[in-house]
Amino acid sequence: MSGYQTILRIRKIEETVNRLGFMLANSKHGWDHNDPDTIALKPRDEDALPVYTRDAEVFHGTLEQLEVWLRGVEWAREYDRMIQLTNDKKRTAAEDKERTRLRLAKERQEKRKVLAILSDKSEREVNRKFKV
């Protein structure tokens, strides 16, 4: 079967990418003239990796470059665990803290929007009543 090993390789990459909280995507920056088969990595969703914006491209390159990059990310995480710099519990706590910060910022922004709409509406009503 032609290309079966490539399919298995892509599936393995997808599993690793998914486990790390990313997703494969088409690059916004177009394709590279040297190699049109480039791909990008983006955060899977806002909850998976809260420190990145949703459309941020964390990686852009070929499958080979992606495999090397993913090995580097996994190695760095394992090394951090080994020297006890961080662990899954600390990482989860930091991500939860960031999610809370983002949620509160979003709520504050929505309140400002509502207040602005209400103040504009009340000004329009006052202007209409007094024909200003």
C-alpha atoms as a PDB file:
ATOM      1  CA  MET A   1       0.000   0.000   0.000  1.00  0.00           C
ATOM      2  CA  SER A   2       1.562   3.250  -1.143  1.00  0.00           C
ATOM      3  CA  GLY A   3       1.906   6.004   1.484  1.00  0.00           C
ATOM      4  CA  TYR A   4       0.694   3.886   4.399  1.00  0.00           C
ATOM      5  CA  GLN A   5       3.739   4.735   6.516  1.00  0.00           C
ATOM      6  CA  THR A   6       3.075   8.434   5.917  1.00  0.00           C
ATOM      7  CA  ILE A   7      -0.504   7.965   7.105  1.00  0.00           C
ATOM      8  CA  LEU A   8       0.708   6.221  10.274  1.00  0.00           C
ATOM      9  CA  ARG A   9       3.259   8.965  10.816  1.00  0.00           C
ATOM     10  CA  ILE A  10       0.608  11.690  10.489  1.00  0.00           C
ATOM     11  CA  ARG A  11      -1.702   9.849  12.906  1.00  0.00           C
ATOM     12  CA  LYS A  12       1.111   9.605  15.460  1.00  0.00           C
ATOM     13  CA  ILE A  13       1.827  13.312  15.043  1.00  0.00           C
ATOM     14  CA  GLU A  14      -1.881  14.125  15.463  1.00  0.00           C
ATOM     15  CA  GLU A  15      -2.023  12.125  18.707  1.00  0.00           C
ATOM     16  CA  THR A  16       1.029  13.918  20.114  1.00  0.00           C
ATOM     17  CA  VAL A  17      -0.243  17.324  19.014  1.00  0.00           C
ATOM     18  CA  ASN A  18      -3.663  16.622  20.528  1.00  0.00           C
ATOM     19  CA  ARG A  19      -2.126  15.464  23.829  1.00  0.00           C
ATOM     20  CA  LEU A  20      -0.138  18.708  24.057  1.00  0.00           C
ATOM     21  CA  GLY A  21      -3.265  20.828  23.440  1.00  0.00           C
ATOM     22  CA  PHE A  22      -2.628  21.860  19.844  1.00  0.00           C
ATOM     23  CA  MET A  23      -4.223  21.145  16.484  1.00  0.00           C
ATOM     24  CA  LEU A  24      -2.830  20.896  12.976  1.00  0.00           C
ATOM     25  CA  ALA A  25      -3.847  23.760  10.728  1.00  0.00           C
ATOM     26  CA  ASN A  26      -3.132  25.383   7.418  1.00  0.00           C
ATOM     27  CA  SER A  27      -0.697  28.255   7.818  1.00  0.00           C
ATOM     28  CA  LYS A  28      -2.087  31.768   7.516  1.00  0.00           C
ATOM     29  CA  HIS A  29       1.210  32.877   6.072  1.00  0.00           C
ATOM     30  CA  GLY A  30       0.694  30.896   2.895  1.00  0.00           C
ATOM     31  CA  TRP A  31       3.067  28.283   1.630  1.00  0.00           C
ATOM     32  CA  ASP A  32       6.797  28.287   1.381  1.00  0.00           C
ATOM     33  CA  HIS A  33       8.179  28.439  -2.159  1.00  0.00           C
ATOM     34  CA  ASN A  34      10.815  25.826  -1.288  1.00  0.00           C
ATOM     35  CA  ASP A  35       8.326  23.365   0.169  1.00  0.00           C
ATOM     36  CA  PRO A  36       4.592  23.849  -0.391  1.00  0.00           C
ATOM     37  CA  ASP A  37       3.760  21.066   2.097  1.00  0.00           C
ATOM     38  CA  THR A  38       4.051  23.190   5.227  1.00  0.00           C
ATOM     39  CA  ILE A  39       1.677  22.956   8.154  1.00  0.00           C
ATOM     40  CA  ALA A  40       1.051  25.010  11.253  1.00  0.00           C
ATOM     41  CA  LEU A  41       0.147  24.309  14.880  1.00  0.00           C
ATOM     42  CA  LYS A  42      -2.469  26.335  16.720  1.00  0.00           C
ATOM     43  CA  PRO A  43      -4.010  25.963  20.171  1.00  0.00           C
ATOM     44  CA  ARG A  44      -6.906  23.498  20.028  1.00  0.00           C
ATOM     45  CA  ASP A  45      -9.270  25.787  21.913  1.00  0.00           C
ATOM     46  CA  GLU A  46      -9.255  28.469  24.579  1.00  0.00           C
ATOM     47  CA  ASP A  47      -9.405  25.923  27.393  1.00  0.00           C
ATOM     48  CA  ALA A  48      -6.609  23.676  26.143  1.00  0.00           C
ATOM     49  CA  LEU A  49      -3.834  26.281  26.207  1.00  0.00           C
ATOM     50  CA  PRO A  50      -5.080  29.512  27.773  1.00  0.00           C
ATOM     51  CA  VAL A  51      -1.769  31.370  27.468  1.00  0.00           C
ATOM     52  CA  TYR A  52      -2.015  31.492  23.661  1.00  0.00           C
ATOM     53  CA  THR A  53      -4.506  33.435  21.632  1.00  0.00           C
ATOM     54  CA  ARG A  54      -6.819  31.232  19.667  1.00  0.00           C
ATOM     55  CA  ASP A  55      -5.426  32.004  16.207  1.00  0.00           C
ATOM     56  CA  ALA A  56      -1.767  32.120  17.212  1.00  0.00           C
ATOM     57  CA  GLU A  57       0.471  29.950  15.079  1.00  0.00           C
ATOM     58  CA  VAL A  58       2.838  28.298  17.509  1.00  0.00           C
ATOM     59  CA  PHE A  59       4.686  26.398  14.798  1.00  0.00           C
ATOM     60  CA  HIS A  60       5.034  26.610  11.017  1.00  0.00           C
ATOM     61  CA  GLY A  61       7.032  24.114   8.959  1.00  0.00           C
ATOM     62  CA  THR A  62       7.191  20.670   7.372  1.00  0.00           C
ATOM     63  CA  LEU A  63       6.286  17.316   8.933  1.00  0.00           C
ATOM     64  CA  GLU A  64       9.937  16.568   9.628  1.00  0.00           C
ATOM     65  CA  GLN A  65      10.435  19.916  11.351  1.00  0.00           C
ATOM     66  CA  LEU A  66       7.235  19.374  13.336  1.00  0.00           C
ATOM     67  CA  GLU A  67       8.416  15.979  14.562  1.00  0.00           C
ATOM     68  CA  VAL A  68      11.672  17.510  15.794  1.00  0.00           C
ATOM     69  CA  TRP A  69       9.819  20.424  17.428  1.00  0.00           C
ATOM     70  CA  LEU A  70       7.384  18.082  19.187  1.00  0.00           C
ATOM     71  CA  ARG A  71      10.269  15.939  20.472  1.00  0.00           C
ATOM     72  CA  GLY A  72      11.832  19.109  21.851  1.00  0.00           C
ATOM     73  CA  VAL A  73       8.616  20.157  23.616  1.00  0.00           C
ATOM     74  CA  GLU A  74       8.165  16.710  25.135  1.00  0.00           C
ATOM     75  CA  TRP A  75      11.827  16.597  26.185  1.00  0.00           C
ATOM     76  CA  ALA A  76      11.551  20.031  27.843  1.00  0.00           C
ATOM     77  CA  ARG A  77       8.436  18.974  29.777  1.00  0.00           C
ATOM     78  CA  GLU A  78      10.087  15.757  30.922  1.00  0.00           C
ATOM     79  CA  TYR A  79      13.227  17.632  31.921  1.00  0.00           C
ATOM     80  CA  ASP A  80      11.171  20.128  33.956  1.00  0.00           C
ATOM     81  CA  ARG A  81       9.518  17.194  35.728  1.00  0.00           C
ATOM     82  CA  MET A  82      12.854  15.475  36.301  1.00  0.00           C
ATOM     83  CA  ILE A  83      14.491  18.477  37.994  1.00  0.00           C
ATOM     84  CA  GLN A  84      11.211  19.127  39.817  1.00  0.00           C
ATOM     85  CA  LEU A  85      10.845  22.587  38.366  1.00  0.00           C
ATOM     86  CA  THR A  86       7.242  21.843  37.537  1.00  0.00           C
ATOM     87  CA  ASN A  87       4.776  18.990  37.409  1.00  0.00           C
ATOM     88  CA  ASP A  88       1.314  18.390  36.003  1.00  0.00           C
ATOM     89  CA  LYS A  89      -0.319  19.749  39.144  1.00  0.00           C
ATOM     90  CA  LYS A  90       1.589  23.054  38.944  1.00  0.00           C
ATOM     91  CA  ARG A  91       0.957  23.346  35.211  1.00  0.00           C
ATOM     92  CA  THR A  92      -2.776  22.732  35.715  1.00  0.00           C
ATOM     93  CA  ALA A  93      -2.900  25.323  38.518  1.00  0.00           C
ATOM     94  CA  ALA A  94      -1.140  27.925  36.356  1.00  0.00           C
ATOM     95  CA  GLU A  95      -3.483  27.228  33.427  1.00  0.00           C
ATOM     96  CA  ASP A  96      -6.527  27.489  35.719  1.00  0.00           C
ATOM     97  CA  LYS A  97      -5.231  30.808  37.040  1.00  0.00           C
ATOM     98  CA  GLU A  98      -4.849  32.103  33.478  1.00  0.00           C
ATOM     99  CA  ARG A  99      -8.323  30.844  32.518  1.00  0.00           C
ATOM    100  CA  THR A 100      -9.785  32.706  35.494  1.00  0.00           C
ATOM    101  CA  ARG A 101      -7.893  35.876  34.577  1.00  0.00           C
ATOM    102  CA  LEU A 102      -9.146  35.684  30.981  1.00  0.00           C
ATOM    103  CA  ARG A 103     -12.721  34.993  32.109  1.00  0.00           C
ATOM    104  CA  LEU A 104     -12.711  37.976  34.484  1.00  0.00           C
ATOM    105  CA  ALA A 105     -11.230  40.249  31.802  1.00  0.00           C
ATOM    106  CA  LYS A 106     -13.923  39.126  29.365  1.00  0.00           C
ATOM    107  CA  GLU A 107     -16.659  39.758  31.936  1.00  0.00           C
ATOM    108  CA  ARG A 108     -15.285  43.249  32.666  1.00  0.00           C
ATOM    109  CA  GLN A 109     -15.192  44.012  28.949  1.00  0.00           C
ATOM    110  CA  GLU A 110     -18.795  42.856  28.515  1.00  0.00           C
ATOM    111  CA  LYS A 111     -19.912  45.013  31.475  1.00  0.00           C
ATOM    112  CA  ARG A 112     -18.190  48.030  29.935  1.00  0.00           C
ATOM    113  CA  LYS A 113     -19.929  47.326  26.642  1.00  0.00           C
ATOM    114  CA  VAL A 114     -23.333  47.068  28.317  1.00  0.00           C
ATOM    115  CA  LEU A 115     -22.756  50.266  30.293  1.00  0.00           C
ATOM    116  CA  ALA A 116     -21.643  52.067  27.146  1.00  0.00           C
ATOM    117  CA  ILE A 117     -24.731  50.897  25.280  1.00  0.00           C
ATOM    118  CA  LEU A 118     -26.992  51.886  28.166  1.00  0.00           C
ATOM    119  CA  SER A 119     -25.341  55.305  28.503  1.00  0.00           C
ATOM    120  CA  ASP A 120     -25.655  55.911  24.757  1.00  0.00           C
ATOM    121  CA  LYS A 121     -29.277  54.809  24.851  1.00  0.00           C
ATOM    122  CA  SER A 122     -30.106  57.040  27.792  1.00  0.00           C
ATOM    123  CA  GLU A 123     -28.364  59.992  26.109  1.00  0.00           C
ATOM    124  CA  ARG A 124     -30.386  59.383  22.953  1.00  0.00           C
ATOM    125  CA  GLU A 125     -33.603  59.217  24.967  1.00  0.00           C
ATOM    126  CA  VAL A 126     -32.740  62.428  26.810  1.00  0.00           C
ATOM    127  CA  ASN A 127     -31.871  64.127  23.531  1.00  0.00           C
ATOM    128  CA  ARG A 128     -35.130  62.940  21.992  1.00  0.00           C
ATOM    129  CA  LYS A 129     -37.236  64.108  24.945  1.00  0.00           C
ATOM    130  CA  PHE A 130     -35.639  67.533  25.095  1.00  0.00           C
ATOM    131  CA  LYS A 131     -34.990  67.787  21.332  1.00  0.00           C
ATOM    132  CA  VAL A 132     -31.353  68.646  21.791  1.00  0.00           C
END
